[in-house]
Amino acid sequence: MVRQSLLILFVALAACSRPAAPFAFPETAGEWTLAGPPAAAAELMPSAKRAWRGAYRGSPEMTLTVYEMNDGTAFEAVQKSRVQPGKMVTYKGNYFFVAESPGADYRVLDRFIAAVVSKSN
């Protein structure tokens, strides 16, 4: 009887649990402003649970993709990423960030992504 009650309680709690809220994109990041509501990204990288993409207005315009990763894999994703012009990656906790702006130099990308990460939870 006790086992049945515990099983019912566990099932009820699991049914009531909600998925975690999506990543909260900051409205501003340094001199950049979020252009509109972020959308779910169509493609996921390995070990990613979910992903979102948002655009930022500024000079230059930036695209930010945020991946919610399985535990411990965001750092691994940074290590496996390749350096590419106009693209920079970093992580914080279980989030893996990809900032992109064709033609942007390293300093500009670094300033943008540091501003985003500093405002993230």
PDB file of N, CA and C in Angstrom:
ATOM      1  N   MET A   1       0.820  -1.198   0.000  1.00  0.00           N
ATOM      2  CA  MET A   1       0.000   0.000   0.000  1.00  0.00           C
ATOM      3  C   MET A   1       0.867   1.267   0.000  1.00  0.00           C
ATOM      4  N   VAL A   2       1.905   1.262   0.829  1.00  0.00           N
ATOM      5  CA  VAL A   2       2.791   2.416   0.896  1.00  0.00           C
ATOM      6  C   VAL A   2       3.504   2.611  -0.448  1.00  0.00           C
ATOM      7  N   ARG A   3       3.941   1.508  -1.040  1.00  0.00           N
ATOM      8  CA  ARG A   3       4.617   1.592  -2.339  1.00  0.00           C
ATOM      9  C   ARG A   3       3.701   2.179  -3.396  1.00  0.00           C
ATOM     10  N   GLN A   4       2.441   1.744  -3.380  1.00  0.00           N
ATOM     11  CA  GLN A   4       1.474   2.258  -4.345  1.00  0.00           C
ATOM     12  C   GLN A   4       1.282   3.756  -4.155  1.00  0.00           C
ATOM     13  N   SER A   5       1.172   4.185  -2.934  1.00  0.00           N
ATOM     14  CA  SER A   5       0.985   5.615  -2.644  1.00  0.00           C
ATOM     15  C   SER A   5       2.185   6.423  -3.101  1.00  0.00           C
ATOM     16  N   LEU A   6       3.387   5.913  -2.837  1.00  0.00           N
ATOM     17  CA  LEU A   6       4.591   6.619  -3.272  1.00  0.00           C
ATOM     18  C   LEU A   6       4.682   6.673  -4.791  1.00  0.00           C
ATOM     19  N   LEU A   7       4.315   5.597  -5.453  1.00  0.00           N
ATOM     20  CA  LEU A   7       4.340   5.568  -6.905  1.00  0.00           C
ATOM     21  C   LEU A   7       3.359   6.585  -7.481  1.00  0.00           C
ATOM     22  N   ILE A   8       2.172   6.645  -6.932  1.00  0.00           N
ATOM     23  CA  ILE A   8       1.163   7.609  -7.392  1.00  0.00           C
ATOM     24  C   ILE A   8       1.658   9.032  -7.146  1.00  0.00           C
ATOM     25  N   LEU A   9       2.245   9.284  -5.995  1.00  0.00           N
ATOM     26  CA  LEU A   9       2.781  10.604  -5.684  1.00  0.00           C
ATOM     27  C   LEU A   9       3.891  10.988  -6.657  1.00  0.00           C
ATOM     28  N   PHE A  10       4.795  10.064  -6.940  1.00  0.00           N
ATOM     29  CA  PHE A  10       5.894  10.326  -7.878  1.00  0.00           C
ATOM     30  C   PHE A  10       5.364  10.641  -9.278  1.00  0.00           C
ATOM     31  N   VAL A  11       4.392   9.876  -9.754  1.00  0.00           N
ATOM     32  CA  VAL A  11       3.805  10.102 -11.081  1.00  0.00           C
ATOM     33  C   VAL A  11       3.107  11.459 -11.119  1.00  0.00           C
ATOM     34  N   ALA A  12       2.407  11.796 -10.062  1.00  0.00           N
ATOM     35  CA  ALA A  12       1.711  13.089 -10.009  1.00  0.00           C
ATOM     36  C   ALA A  12       2.699  14.249 -10.035  1.00  0.00           C
ATOM     37  N   LEU A  13       3.769  14.131  -9.282  1.00  0.00           N
ATOM     38  CA  LEU A  13       4.784  15.196  -9.282  1.00  0.00           C
ATOM     39  C   LEU A  13       5.457  15.325 -10.639  1.00  0.00           C
ATOM     40  N   ALA A  14       5.751  14.215 -11.260  1.00  0.00           N
ATOM     41  CA  ALA A  14       6.378  14.252 -12.584  1.00  0.00           C
ATOM     42  C   ALA A  14       5.448  14.884 -13.602  1.00  0.00           C
ATOM     43  N   ALA A  15       4.169  14.610 -13.523  1.00  0.00           N
ATOM     44  CA  ALA A  15       3.204  15.174 -14.464  1.00  0.00           C
ATOM     45  C   ALA A  15       3.049  16.677 -14.273  1.00  0.00           C
ATOM     46  N   CYS A  16       3.221  17.147 -13.045  1.00  0.00           N
ATOM     47  CA  CYS A  16       3.069  18.571 -12.763  1.00  0.00           C
ATOM     48  C   CYS A  16       4.323  19.382 -13.065  1.00  0.00           C
ATOM     49  N   SER A  17       5.448  18.719 -13.214  1.00  0.00           N
ATOM     50  CA  SER A  17       6.679  19.482 -13.447  1.00  0.00           C
ATOM     51  C   SER A  17       6.650  20.110 -14.833  1.00  0.00           C
ATOM     52  N   ARG A  18       7.211  21.285 -14.923  1.00  0.00           N
ATOM     53  CA  ARG A  18       7.256  22.018 -16.180  1.00  0.00           C
ATOM     54  C   ARG A  18       8.677  22.047 -16.685  1.00  0.00           C
ATOM     55  N   PRO A  19       8.848  22.095 -18.017  1.00  0.00           N
ATOM     56  CA  PRO A  19      10.211  22.225 -18.526  1.00  0.00           C
ATOM     57  C   PRO A  19      10.789  23.578 -18.121  1.00  0.00           C
ATOM     58  N   ALA A  20      12.093  23.633 -18.054  1.00  0.00           N
ATOM     59  CA  ALA A  20      12.762  24.881 -17.693  1.00  0.00           C
ATOM     60  C   ALA A  20      12.410  25.963 -18.705  1.00  0.00           C
ATOM     61  N   ALA A  21      12.383  27.184 -18.241  1.00  0.00           N
ATOM     62  CA  ALA A  21      12.081  28.315 -19.124  1.00  0.00           C
ATOM     63  C   ALA A  21      13.207  28.481 -20.142  1.00  0.00           C
ATOM     64  N   PRO A  22      12.887  29.010 -21.316  1.00  0.00           N
ATOM     65  CA  PRO A  22      13.940  29.235 -22.293  1.00  0.00           C
ATOM     66  C   PRO A  22      14.942  30.284 -21.801  1.00  0.00           C
ATOM     67  N   PHE A  23      16.101  30.290 -22.406  1.00  0.00           N
ATOM     68  CA  PHE A  23      17.124  31.266 -22.049  1.00  0.00           C
ATOM     69  C   PHE A  23      16.556  32.676 -22.220  1.00  0.00           C
ATOM     70  N   ALA A  24      16.809  33.534 -21.254  1.00  0.00           N
ATOM     71  CA  ALA A  24      16.324  34.919 -21.311  1.00  0.00           C
ATOM     72  C   ALA A  24      17.371  35.794 -21.992  1.00  0.00           C
ATOM     73  N   PHE A  25      17.148  36.102 -23.253  1.00  0.00           N
ATOM     74  CA  PHE A  25      18.061  36.975 -23.994  1.00  0.00           C
ATOM     75  C   PHE A  25      17.990  38.375 -23.390  1.00  0.00           C
ATOM     76  N   PRO A  26      19.135  38.988 -23.092  1.00  0.00           N
ATOM     77  CA  PRO A  26      19.090  40.356 -22.561  1.00  0.00           C
ATOM     78  C   PRO A  26      18.593  41.331 -23.624  1.00  0.00           C
ATOM     79  N   GLU A  27      17.810  42.304 -23.218  1.00  0.00           N
ATOM     80  CA  GLU A  27      17.304  43.318 -24.157  1.00  0.00           C
ATOM     81  C   GLU A  27      18.445  44.129 -24.761  1.00  0.00           C
ATOM     82  N   THR A  28      19.464  44.380 -23.931  1.00  0.00           N
ATOM     83  CA  THR A  28      20.641  45.096 -24.417  1.00  0.00           C
ATOM     84  C   THR A  28      21.887  44.323 -24.013  1.00  0.00           C
ATOM     85  N   ALA A  29      22.903  44.442 -24.844  1.00  0.00           N
ATOM     86  CA  ALA A  29      24.208  43.828 -24.559  1.00  0.00           C
ATOM     87  C   ALA A  29      25.250  44.819 -25.058  1.00  0.00           C
ATOM     88  N   GLY A  30      25.812  45.582 -24.127  1.00  0.00           N
ATOM     89  CA  GLY A  30      26.720  46.648 -24.551  1.00  0.00           C
ATOM     90  C   GLY A  30      25.947  47.649 -25.388  1.00  0.00           C
ATOM     91  N   GLU A  31      26.467  47.942 -26.583  1.00  0.00           N
ATOM     92  CA  GLU A  31      25.778  48.902 -27.453  1.00  0.00           C
ATOM     93  C   GLU A  31      24.777  48.247 -28.403  1.00  0.00           C
ATOM     94  N   TRP A  32      24.508  46.960 -28.222  1.00  0.00           N
ATOM     95  CA  TRP A  32      23.576  46.229 -29.084  1.00  0.00           C
ATOM     96  C   TRP A  32      22.221  46.089 -28.394  1.00  0.00           C
ATOM     97  N   THR A  33      21.160  46.088 -29.208  1.00  0.00           N
ATOM     98  CA  THR A  33      19.792  45.966 -28.719  1.00  0.00           C
ATOM     99  C   THR A  33      19.112  44.800 -29.410  1.00  0.00           C
ATOM    100  N   LEU A  34      18.405  43.994 -28.639  1.00  0.00           N
ATOM    101  CA  LEU A  34      17.681  42.856 -29.189  1.00  0.00           C
ATOM    102  C   LEU A  34      16.660  43.354 -30.210  1.00  0.00           C
ATOM    103  N   ALA A  35      16.712  42.805 -31.430  1.00  0.00           N
ATOM    104  CA  ALA A  35      15.876  43.290 -32.531  1.00  0.00           C
ATOM    105  C   ALA A  35      14.439  42.789 -32.462  1.00  0.00           C
ATOM    106  N   GLY A  36      14.205  41.689 -31.822  1.00  0.00           N
ATOM    107  CA  GLY A  36      12.862  41.122 -31.732  1.00  0.00           C
ATOM    108  C   GLY A  36      12.910  39.895 -30.856  1.00  0.00           C
ATOM    109  N   PRO A  37      11.771  39.237 -30.698  1.00  0.00           N
ATOM    110  CA  PRO A  37      11.780  38.056 -29.839  1.00  0.00           C
ATOM    111  C   PRO A  37      12.623  36.932 -30.437  1.00  0.00           C
ATOM    112  N   PRO A  38      13.461  36.301 -29.638  1.00  0.00           N
ATOM    113  CA  PRO A  38      14.248  35.165 -30.129  1.00  0.00           C
ATOM    114  C   PRO A  38      13.321  34.007 -30.501  1.00  0.00           C
ATOM    115  N   ALA A  39      13.790  33.163 -31.397  1.00  0.00           N
ATOM    116  CA  ALA A  39      13.016  32.007 -31.837  1.00  0.00           C
ATOM    117  C   ALA A  39      13.800  30.734 -31.559  1.00  0.00           C
ATOM    118  N   ALA A  40      13.101  29.646 -31.493  1.00  0.00           N
ATOM    119  CA  ALA A  40      13.767  28.351 -31.341  1.00  0.00           C
ATOM    120  C   ALA A  40      14.611  28.095 -32.584  1.00  0.00           C
ATOM    121  N   ALA A  41      15.827  27.648 -32.372  1.00  0.00           N
ATOM    122  CA  ALA A  41      16.707  27.331 -33.503  1.00  0.00           C
ATOM    123  C   ALA A  41      16.296  25.981 -34.078  1.00  0.00           C
ATOM    124  N   ALA A  42      16.331  25.876 -35.389  1.00  0.00           N
ATOM    125  CA  ALA A  42      15.885  24.659 -36.064  1.00  0.00           C
ATOM    126  C   ALA A  42      16.834  23.490 -35.841  1.00  0.00           C
ATOM    127  N   GLU A  43      18.122  23.785 -35.800  1.00  0.00           N
ATOM    128  CA  GLU A  43      19.094  22.695 -35.681  1.00  0.00           C
ATOM    129  C   GLU A  43      19.696  22.670 -34.279  1.00  0.00           C
ATOM    130  N   LEU A  44      19.983  21.461 -33.822  1.00  0.00           N
ATOM    131  CA  LEU A  44      20.638  21.275 -32.537  1.00  0.00           C
ATOM    132  C   LEU A  44      21.998  20.649 -32.770  1.00  0.00           C
ATOM    133  N   MET A  45      22.944  21.034 -31.963  1.00  0.00           N
ATOM    134  CA  MET A  45      24.250  20.385 -32.012  1.00  0.00           C
ATOM    135  C   MET A  45      24.226  19.176 -31.078  1.00  0.00           C
ATOM    136  N   PRO A  46      25.174  18.253 -31.236  1.00  0.00           N
ATOM    137  CA  PRO A  46      25.201  17.098 -30.330  1.00  0.00           C
ATOM    138  C   PRO A  46      25.254  17.547 -28.868  1.00  0.00           C
ATOM    139  N   SER A  47      24.576  16.853 -28.017  1.00  0.00           N
ATOM    140  CA  SER A  47      24.497  17.109 -26.569  1.00  0.00           C
ATOM    141  C   SER A  47      23.641  18.317 -26.207  1.00  0.00           C
ATOM    142  N   ALA A  48      22.981  18.940 -27.165  1.00  0.00           N
ATOM    143  CA  ALA A  48      22.118  20.082 -26.861  1.00  0.00           C
ATOM    144  C   ALA A  48      20.691  19.603 -26.616  1.00  0.00           C
ATOM    145  N   LYS A  49      20.067  20.183 -25.604  1.00  0.00           N
ATOM    146  CA  LYS A  49      18.665  19.876 -25.315  1.00  0.00           C
ATOM    147  C   LYS A  49      17.753  20.767 -26.149  1.00  0.00           C
ATOM    148  N   ARG A  50      18.092  22.061 -26.162  1.00  0.00           N
ATOM    149  CA  ARG A  50      17.288  23.059 -26.883  1.00  0.00           C
ATOM    150  C   ARG A  50      18.212  24.157 -27.362  1.00  0.00           C
ATOM    151  N   ALA A  51      17.707  24.975 -28.281  1.00  0.00           N
ATOM    152  CA  ALA A  51      18.499  26.109 -28.771  1.00  0.00           C
ATOM    153  C   ALA A  51      17.571  27.234 -29.209  1.00  0.00           C
ATOM    154  N   TRP A  52      18.085  28.471 -29.078  1.00  0.00           N
ATOM    155  CA  TRP A  52      17.344  29.662 -29.481  1.00  0.00           C
ATOM    156  C   TRP A  52      18.273  30.576 -30.253  1.00  0.00           C
ATOM    157  N   ARG A  53      17.699  31.386 -31.139  1.00  0.00           N
ATOM    158  CA  ARG A  53      18.497  32.332 -31.917  1.00  0.00           C
ATOM    159  C   ARG A  53      17.831  33.698 -31.860  1.00  0.00           C
ATOM    160  N   GLY A  54      18.659  34.716 -31.623  1.00  0.00           N
ATOM    161  CA  GLY A  54      18.172  36.079 -31.582  1.00  0.00           C
ATOM    162  C   GLY A  54      19.093  36.995 -32.363  1.00  0.00           C
ATOM    163  N   ALA A  55      18.534  38.076 -32.864  1.00  0.00           N
ATOM    164  CA  ALA A  55      19.303  39.061 -33.623  1.00  0.00           C
ATOM    165  C   ALA A  55      19.406  40.344 -32.812  1.00  0.00           C
ATOM    166  N   TYR A  56      20.561  40.975 -32.900  1.00  0.00           N
ATOM    167  CA  TYR A  56      20.819  42.229 -32.194  1.00  0.00           C
ATOM    168  C   TYR A  56      21.174  43.324 -33.189  1.00  0.00           C
ATOM    169  N   ARG A  57      20.553  44.500 -32.996  1.00  0.00           N
ATOM    170  CA  ARG A  57      20.882  45.676 -33.801  1.00  0.00           C
ATOM    171  C   ARG A  57      22.047  46.396 -33.166  1.00  0.00           C
ATOM    172  N   GLY A  58      22.883  46.922 -33.990  1.00  0.00           N
ATOM    173  CA  GLY A  58      24.050  47.663 -33.539  1.00  0.00           C
ATOM    174  C   GLY A  58      25.042  47.691 -34.676  1.00  0.00           C
ATOM    175  N   SER A  59      26.229  48.126 -34.379  1.00  0.00           N
ATOM    176  CA  SER A  59      27.248  48.196 -35.418  1.00  0.00           C
ATOM    177  C   SER A  59      28.446  47.359 -34.994  1.00  0.00           C
ATOM    178  N   PRO A  60      28.577  46.206 -35.601  1.00  0.00           N
ATOM    179  CA  PRO A  60      27.752  45.577 -36.633  1.00  0.00           C
ATOM    180  C   PRO A  60      26.599  44.803 -35.999  1.00  0.00           C
ATOM    181  N   GLU A  61      25.633  44.374 -36.841  1.00  0.00           N
ATOM    182  CA  GLU A  61      24.553  43.527 -36.350  1.00  0.00           C
ATOM    183  C   GLU A  61      25.125  42.186 -35.916  1.00  0.00           C
ATOM    184  N   MET A  62      24.511  41.586 -34.897  1.00  0.00           N
ATOM    185  CA  MET A  62      24.983  40.312 -34.352  1.00  0.00           C
ATOM    186  C   MET A  62      23.850  39.302 -34.334  1.00  0.00           C
ATOM    187  N   THR A  63      24.203  38.053 -34.519  1.00  0.00           N
ATOM    188  CA  THR A  63      23.274  36.936 -34.318  1.00  0.00           C
ATOM    189  C   THR A  63      23.819  36.121 -33.157  1.00  0.00           C
ATOM    190  N   LEU A  64      22.948  35.822 -32.209  1.00  0.00           N
ATOM    191  CA  LEU A  64      23.341  35.042 -31.045  1.00  0.00           C
ATOM    192  C   LEU A  64      22.524  33.760 -31.015  1.00  0.00           C
ATOM    193  N   THR A  65      23.215  32.628 -30.986  1.00  0.00           N
ATOM    194  CA  THR A  65      22.569  31.334 -30.814  1.00  0.00           C
ATOM    195  C   THR A  65      22.986  30.797 -29.449  1.00  0.00           C
ATOM    196  N   VAL A  66      22.003  30.382 -28.668  1.00  0.00           N
ATOM    197  CA  VAL A  66      22.259  29.859 -27.325  1.00  0.00           C
ATOM    198  C   VAL A  66      21.745  28.428 -27.280  1.00  0.00           C
ATOM    199  N   TYR A  67      22.635  27.517 -26.907  1.00  0.00           N
ATOM    200  CA  TYR A  67      22.287  26.110 -26.774  1.00  0.00           C
ATOM    201  C   TYR A  67      22.231  25.744 -25.299  1.00  0.00           C
ATOM    202  N   GLU A  68      21.145  25.122 -24.876  1.00  0.00           N
ATOM    203  CA  GLU A  68      21.079  24.550 -23.531  1.00  0.00           C
ATOM    204  C   GLU A  68      21.638  23.138 -23.657  1.00  0.00           C
ATOM    205  N   MET A  69      22.749  22.895 -22.981  1.00  0.00           N
ATOM    206  CA  MET A  69      23.473  21.635 -23.137  1.00  0.00           C
ATOM    207  C   MET A  69      23.174  20.676 -21.988  1.00  0.00           C
ATOM    208  N   ASN A  70      23.419  19.398 -22.242  1.00  0.00           N
ATOM    209  CA  ASN A  70      23.380  18.412 -21.167  1.00  0.00           C
ATOM    210  C   ASN A  70      24.488  18.759 -20.179  1.00  0.00           C
ATOM    211  N   ASP A  71      24.358  18.325 -18.948  1.00  0.00           N
ATOM    212  CA  ASP A  71      25.328  18.654 -17.899  1.00  0.00           C
ATOM    213  C   ASP A  71      26.763  18.381 -18.336  1.00  0.00           C
ATOM    214  N   GLY A  72      27.617  19.378 -18.140  1.00  0.00           N
ATOM    215  CA  GLY A  72      29.046  19.215 -18.370  1.00  0.00           C
ATOM    216  C   GLY A  72      29.498  19.237 -19.815  1.00  0.00           C
ATOM    217  N   THR A  73      28.588  19.480 -20.763  1.00  0.00           N
ATOM    218  CA  THR A  73      29.004  19.404 -22.161  1.00  0.00           C
ATOM    219  C   THR A  73      29.209  20.767 -22.823  1.00  0.00           C
ATOM    220  N   ALA A  74      28.820  21.852 -22.170  1.00  0.00           N
ATOM    221  CA  ALA A  74      29.013  23.183 -22.766  1.00  0.00           C
ATOM    222  C   ALA A  74      30.505  23.505 -22.886  1.00  0.00           C
ATOM    223  N   PHE A  75      31.272  23.205 -21.845  1.00  0.00           N
ATOM    224  CA  PHE A  75      32.719  23.434 -21.899  1.00  0.00           C
ATOM    225  C   PHE A  75      33.353  22.582 -22.995  1.00  0.00           C
ATOM    226  N   GLU A  76      32.919  21.349 -23.106  1.00  0.00           N
ATOM    227  CA  GLU A  76      33.424  20.451 -24.143  1.00  0.00           C
ATOM    228  C   GLU A  76      33.128  21.003 -25.539  1.00  0.00           C
ATOM    229  N   ALA A  77      31.953  21.597 -25.712  1.00  0.00           N
ATOM    230  CA  ALA A  77      31.593  22.188 -27.010  1.00  0.00           C
ATOM    231  C   ALA A  77      32.528  23.341 -27.367  1.00  0.00           C
ATOM    232  N   VAL A  78      32.907  24.138 -26.372  1.00  0.00           N
ATOM    233  CA  VAL A  78      33.856  25.233 -26.615  1.00  0.00           C
ATOM    234  C   VAL A  78      35.195  24.668 -27.061  1.00  0.00           C
ATOM    235  N   GLN A  79      35.652  23.632 -26.395  1.00  0.00           N
ATOM    236  CA  GLN A  79      36.944  23.040 -26.745  1.00  0.00           C
ATOM    237  C   GLN A  79      36.947  22.436 -28.146  1.00  0.00           C
ATOM    238  N   LYS A  80      35.814  21.918 -28.572  1.00  0.00           N
ATOM    239  CA  LYS A  80      35.736  21.282 -29.890  1.00  0.00           C
ATOM    240  C   LYS A  80      35.472  22.269 -31.026  1.00  0.00           C
ATOM    241  N   SER A  81      35.069  23.489 -30.693  1.00  0.00           N
ATOM    242  CA  SER A  81      34.740  24.454 -31.744  1.00  0.00           C
ATOM    243  C   SER A  81      36.005  24.948 -32.435  1.00  0.00           C
ATOM    244  N   ARG A  82      35.841  25.320 -33.684  1.00  0.00           N
ATOM    245  CA  ARG A  82      36.961  25.830 -34.487  1.00  0.00           C
ATOM    246  C   ARG A  82      36.856  27.339 -34.613  1.00  0.00           C
ATOM    247  N   VAL A  83      37.990  27.992 -34.588  1.00  0.00           N
ATOM    248  CA  VAL A  83      38.024  29.436 -34.772  1.00  0.00           C
ATOM    249  C   VAL A  83      37.640  29.743 -36.218  1.00  0.00           C
ATOM    250  N   GLN A  84      36.698  30.669 -36.386  1.00  0.00           N
ATOM    251  CA  GLN A  84      36.265  31.090 -37.718  1.00  0.00           C
ATOM    252  C   GLN A  84      36.108  32.598 -37.722  1.00  0.00           C
ATOM    253  N   PRO A  85      36.439  33.249 -38.841  1.00  0.00           N
ATOM    254  CA  PRO A  85      36.238  34.699 -38.923  1.00  0.00           C
ATOM    255  C   PRO A  85      34.758  35.052 -38.723  1.00  0.00           C
ATOM    256  N   GLY A  86      34.500  36.088 -37.964  1.00  0.00           N
ATOM    257  CA  GLY A  86      33.139  36.552 -37.739  1.00  0.00           C
ATOM    258  C   GLY A  86      32.326  35.700 -36.787  1.00  0.00           C
ATOM    259  N   LYS A  87      33.004  34.847 -36.013  1.00  0.00           N
ATOM    260  CA  LYS A  87      32.286  33.946 -35.105  1.00  0.00           C
ATOM    261  C   LYS A  87      33.096  33.766 -33.824  1.00  0.00           C
ATOM    262  N   MET A  88      32.391  33.757 -32.674  1.00  0.00           N
ATOM    263  CA  MET A  88      33.039  33.528 -31.391  1.00  0.00           C
ATOM    264  C   MET A  88      32.112  32.696 -30.516  1.00  0.00           C
ATOM    265  N   VAL A  89      32.699  31.792 -29.731  1.00  0.00           N
ATOM    266  CA  VAL A  89      31.915  30.939 -28.838  1.00  0.00           C
ATOM    267  C   VAL A  89      32.426  31.076 -27.411  1.00  0.00           C
ATOM    268  N   THR A  90      31.530  30.796 -26.483  1.00  0.00           N
ATOM    269  CA  THR A  90      31.888  30.708 -25.070  1.00  0.00           C
ATOM    270  C   THR A  90      30.804  29.907 -24.366  1.00  0.00           C
ATOM    271  N   TYR A  91      30.931  29.743 -23.069  1.00  0.00           N
ATOM    272  CA  TYR A  91      29.907  29.027 -22.310  1.00  0.00           C
ATOM    273  C   TYR A  91      29.783  29.625 -20.928  1.00  0.00           C
ATOM    274  N   LYS A  92      28.647  29.329 -20.308  1.00  0.00           N
ATOM    275  CA  LYS A  92      28.421  29.662 -18.903  1.00  0.00           C
ATOM    276  C   LYS A  92      27.440  28.628 -18.375  1.00  0.00           C
ATOM    277  N   GLY A  93      27.875  27.872 -17.387  1.00  0.00           N
ATOM    278  CA  GLY A  93      27.027  26.810 -16.851  1.00  0.00           C
ATOM    279  C   GLY A  93      26.703  25.783 -17.927  1.00  0.00           C
ATOM    280  N   ASN A  94      25.424  25.539 -18.155  1.00  0.00           N
ATOM    281  CA  ASN A  94      24.994  24.584 -19.173  1.00  0.00           C
ATOM    282  C   ASN A  94      24.624  25.261 -20.490  1.00  0.00           C
ATOM    283  N   TYR A  95      24.973  26.527 -20.647  1.00  0.00           N
ATOM    284  CA  TYR A  95      24.670  27.239 -21.889  1.00  0.00           C
ATOM    285  C   TYR A  95      25.937  27.427 -22.723  1.00  0.00           C
ATOM    286  N   PHE A  96      25.804  27.164 -24.018  1.00  0.00           N
ATOM    287  CA  PHE A  96      26.876  27.348 -25.001  1.00  0.00           C
ATOM    288  C   PHE A  96      26.422  28.469 -25.928  1.00  0.00           C
ATOM    289  N   PHE A  97      27.232  29.522 -26.049  1.00  0.00           N
ATOM    290  CA  PHE A  97      26.873  30.715 -26.808  1.00  0.00           C
ATOM    291  C   PHE A  97      27.687  30.791 -28.098  1.00  0.00           C
ATOM    292  N   VAL A  98      27.016  31.153 -29.190  1.00  0.00           N
ATOM    293  CA  VAL A  98      27.685  31.377 -30.473  1.00  0.00           C
ATOM    294  C   VAL A  98      27.261  32.751 -30.966  1.00  0.00           C
ATOM    295  N   ALA A  99      28.224  33.674 -31.042  1.00  0.00           N
ATOM    296  CA  ALA A  99      27.978  35.013 -31.576  1.00  0.00           C
ATOM    297  C   ALA A  99      28.545  35.062 -32.986  1.00  0.00           C
ATOM    298  N   GLU A 100      27.750  35.598 -33.917  1.00  0.00           N
ATOM    299  CA  GLU A 100      28.189  35.661 -35.308  1.00  0.00           C
ATOM    300  C   GLU A 100      27.865  37.022 -35.917  1.00  0.00           C
ATOM    301  N   SER A 101      28.810  37.515 -36.683  1.00  0.00           N
ATOM    302  CA  SER A 101      28.633  38.729 -37.459  1.00  0.00           C
ATOM    303  C   SER A 101      29.702  38.731 -38.548  1.00  0.00           C
ATOM    304  N   PRO A 102      29.306  38.454 -39.793  1.00  0.00           N
ATOM    305  CA  PRO A 102      30.295  38.383 -40.874  1.00  0.00           C
ATOM    306  C   PRO A 102      31.136  39.657 -40.937  1.00  0.00           C
ATOM    307  N   GLY A 103      32.432  39.475 -40.972  1.00  0.00           N
ATOM    308  CA  GLY A 103      33.348  40.606 -41.084  1.00  0.00           C
ATOM    309  C   GLY A 103      33.715  41.272 -39.772  1.00  0.00           C
ATOM    310  N   ALA A 104      33.053  40.906 -38.677  1.00  0.00           N
ATOM    311  CA  ALA A 104      33.372  41.528 -37.384  1.00  0.00           C
ATOM    312  C   ALA A 104      34.707  40.998 -36.884  1.00  0.00           C
ATOM    313  N   ASP A 105      35.485  41.870 -36.282  1.00  0.00           N
ATOM    314  CA  ASP A 105      36.777  41.415 -35.763  1.00  0.00           C
ATOM    315  C   ASP A 105      36.619  40.842 -34.353  1.00  0.00           C
ATOM    316  N   TYR A 106      37.693  40.243 -33.895  1.00  0.00           N
ATOM    317  CA  TYR A 106      37.716  39.539 -32.609  1.00  0.00           C
ATOM    318  C   TYR A 106      37.295  40.449 -31.454  1.00  0.00           C
ATOM    319  N   ARG A 107      37.795  41.672 -31.418  1.00  0.00           N
ATOM    320  CA  ARG A 107      37.504  42.579 -30.290  1.00  0.00           C
ATOM    321  C   ARG A 107      36.016  42.898 -30.198  1.00  0.00           C
ATOM    322  N   VAL A 108      35.381  43.124 -31.356  1.00  0.00           N
ATOM    323  CA  VAL A 108      33.953  43.458 -31.365  1.00  0.00           C
ATOM    324  C   VAL A 108      33.125  42.254 -30.912  1.00  0.00           C
ATOM    325  N   LEU A 109      33.441  41.079 -31.455  1.00  0.00           N
ATOM    326  CA  LEU A 109      32.732  39.866 -31.044  1.00  0.00           C
ATOM    327  C   LEU A 109      32.920  39.601 -29.551  1.00  0.00           C
ATOM    328  N   ASP A 110      34.123  39.779 -29.062  1.00  0.00           N
ATOM    329  CA  ASP A 110      34.421  39.564 -27.653  1.00  0.00           C
ATOM    330  C   ASP A 110      33.626  40.530 -26.775  1.00  0.00           C
ATOM    331  N   ARG A 111      33.556  41.775 -27.167  1.00  0.00           N
ATOM    332  CA  ARG A 111      32.806  42.777 -26.402  1.00  0.00           C
ATOM    333  C   ARG A 111      31.318  42.412 -26.345  1.00  0.00           C
ATOM    334  N   PHE A 112      30.767  41.976 -27.483  1.00  0.00           N
ATOM    335  CA  PHE A 112      29.352  41.594 -27.531  1.00  0.00           C
ATOM    336  C   PHE A 112      29.078  40.367 -26.668  1.00  0.00           C
ATOM    337  N   ILE A 113      29.838  39.306 -26.869  1.00  0.00           N
ATOM    338  CA  ILE A 113      29.549  38.058 -26.161  1.00  0.00           C
ATOM    339  C   ILE A 113      29.809  38.202 -24.657  1.00  0.00           C
ATOM    340  N   ALA A 114      30.781  39.012 -24.281  1.00  0.00           N
ATOM    341  CA  ALA A 114      31.039  39.254 -22.850  1.00  0.00           C
ATOM    342  C   ALA A 114      29.856  40.006 -22.226  1.00  0.00           C
ATOM    343  N   ALA A 115      29.277  40.947 -22.960  1.00  0.00           N
ATOM    344  CA  ALA A 115      28.117  41.679 -22.452  1.00  0.00           C
ATOM    345  C   ALA A 115      26.913  40.759 -22.275  1.00  0.00           C
ATOM    346  N   VAL A 116      26.709  39.845 -23.218  1.00  0.00           N
ATOM    347  CA  VAL A 116      25.594  38.901 -23.124  1.00  0.00           C
ATOM    348  C   VAL A 116      25.789  37.982 -21.923  1.00  0.00           C
ATOM    349  N   VAL A 117      26.966  37.393 -21.816  1.00  0.00           N
ATOM    350  CA  VAL A 117      27.232  36.428 -20.736  1.00  0.00           C
ATOM    351  C   VAL A 117      27.132  37.100 -19.375  1.00  0.00           C
ATOM    352  N   SER A 118      27.590  38.329 -19.261  1.00  0.00           N
ATOM    353  CA  SER A 118      27.537  39.018 -17.969  1.00  0.00           C
ATOM    354  C   SER A 118      26.096  39.258 -17.503  1.00  0.00           C
ATOM    355  N   LYS A 119      25.153  39.303 -18.447  1.00  0.00           N
ATOM    356  CA  LYS A 119      23.755  39.526 -18.087  1.00  0.00           C
ATOM    357  C   LYS A 119      22.945  38.231 -17.977  1.00  0.00           C
ATOM    358  N   SER A 120      23.576  37.097 -18.272  1.00  0.00           N
ATOM    359  CA  SER A 120      22.834  35.828 -18.213  1.00  0.00           C
ATOM    360  C   SER A 120      22.841  35.291 -16.789  1.00  0.00           C
ATOM    361  N   ASN A 121      21.874  34.441 -16.517  1.00  0.00           N
ATOM    362  CA  ASN A 121      21.747  33.885 -15.162  1.00  0.00           C
ATOM    363  C   ASN A 121      22.885  32.992 -14.840  1.00  0.00           C
TER     364      ASN A 121
END
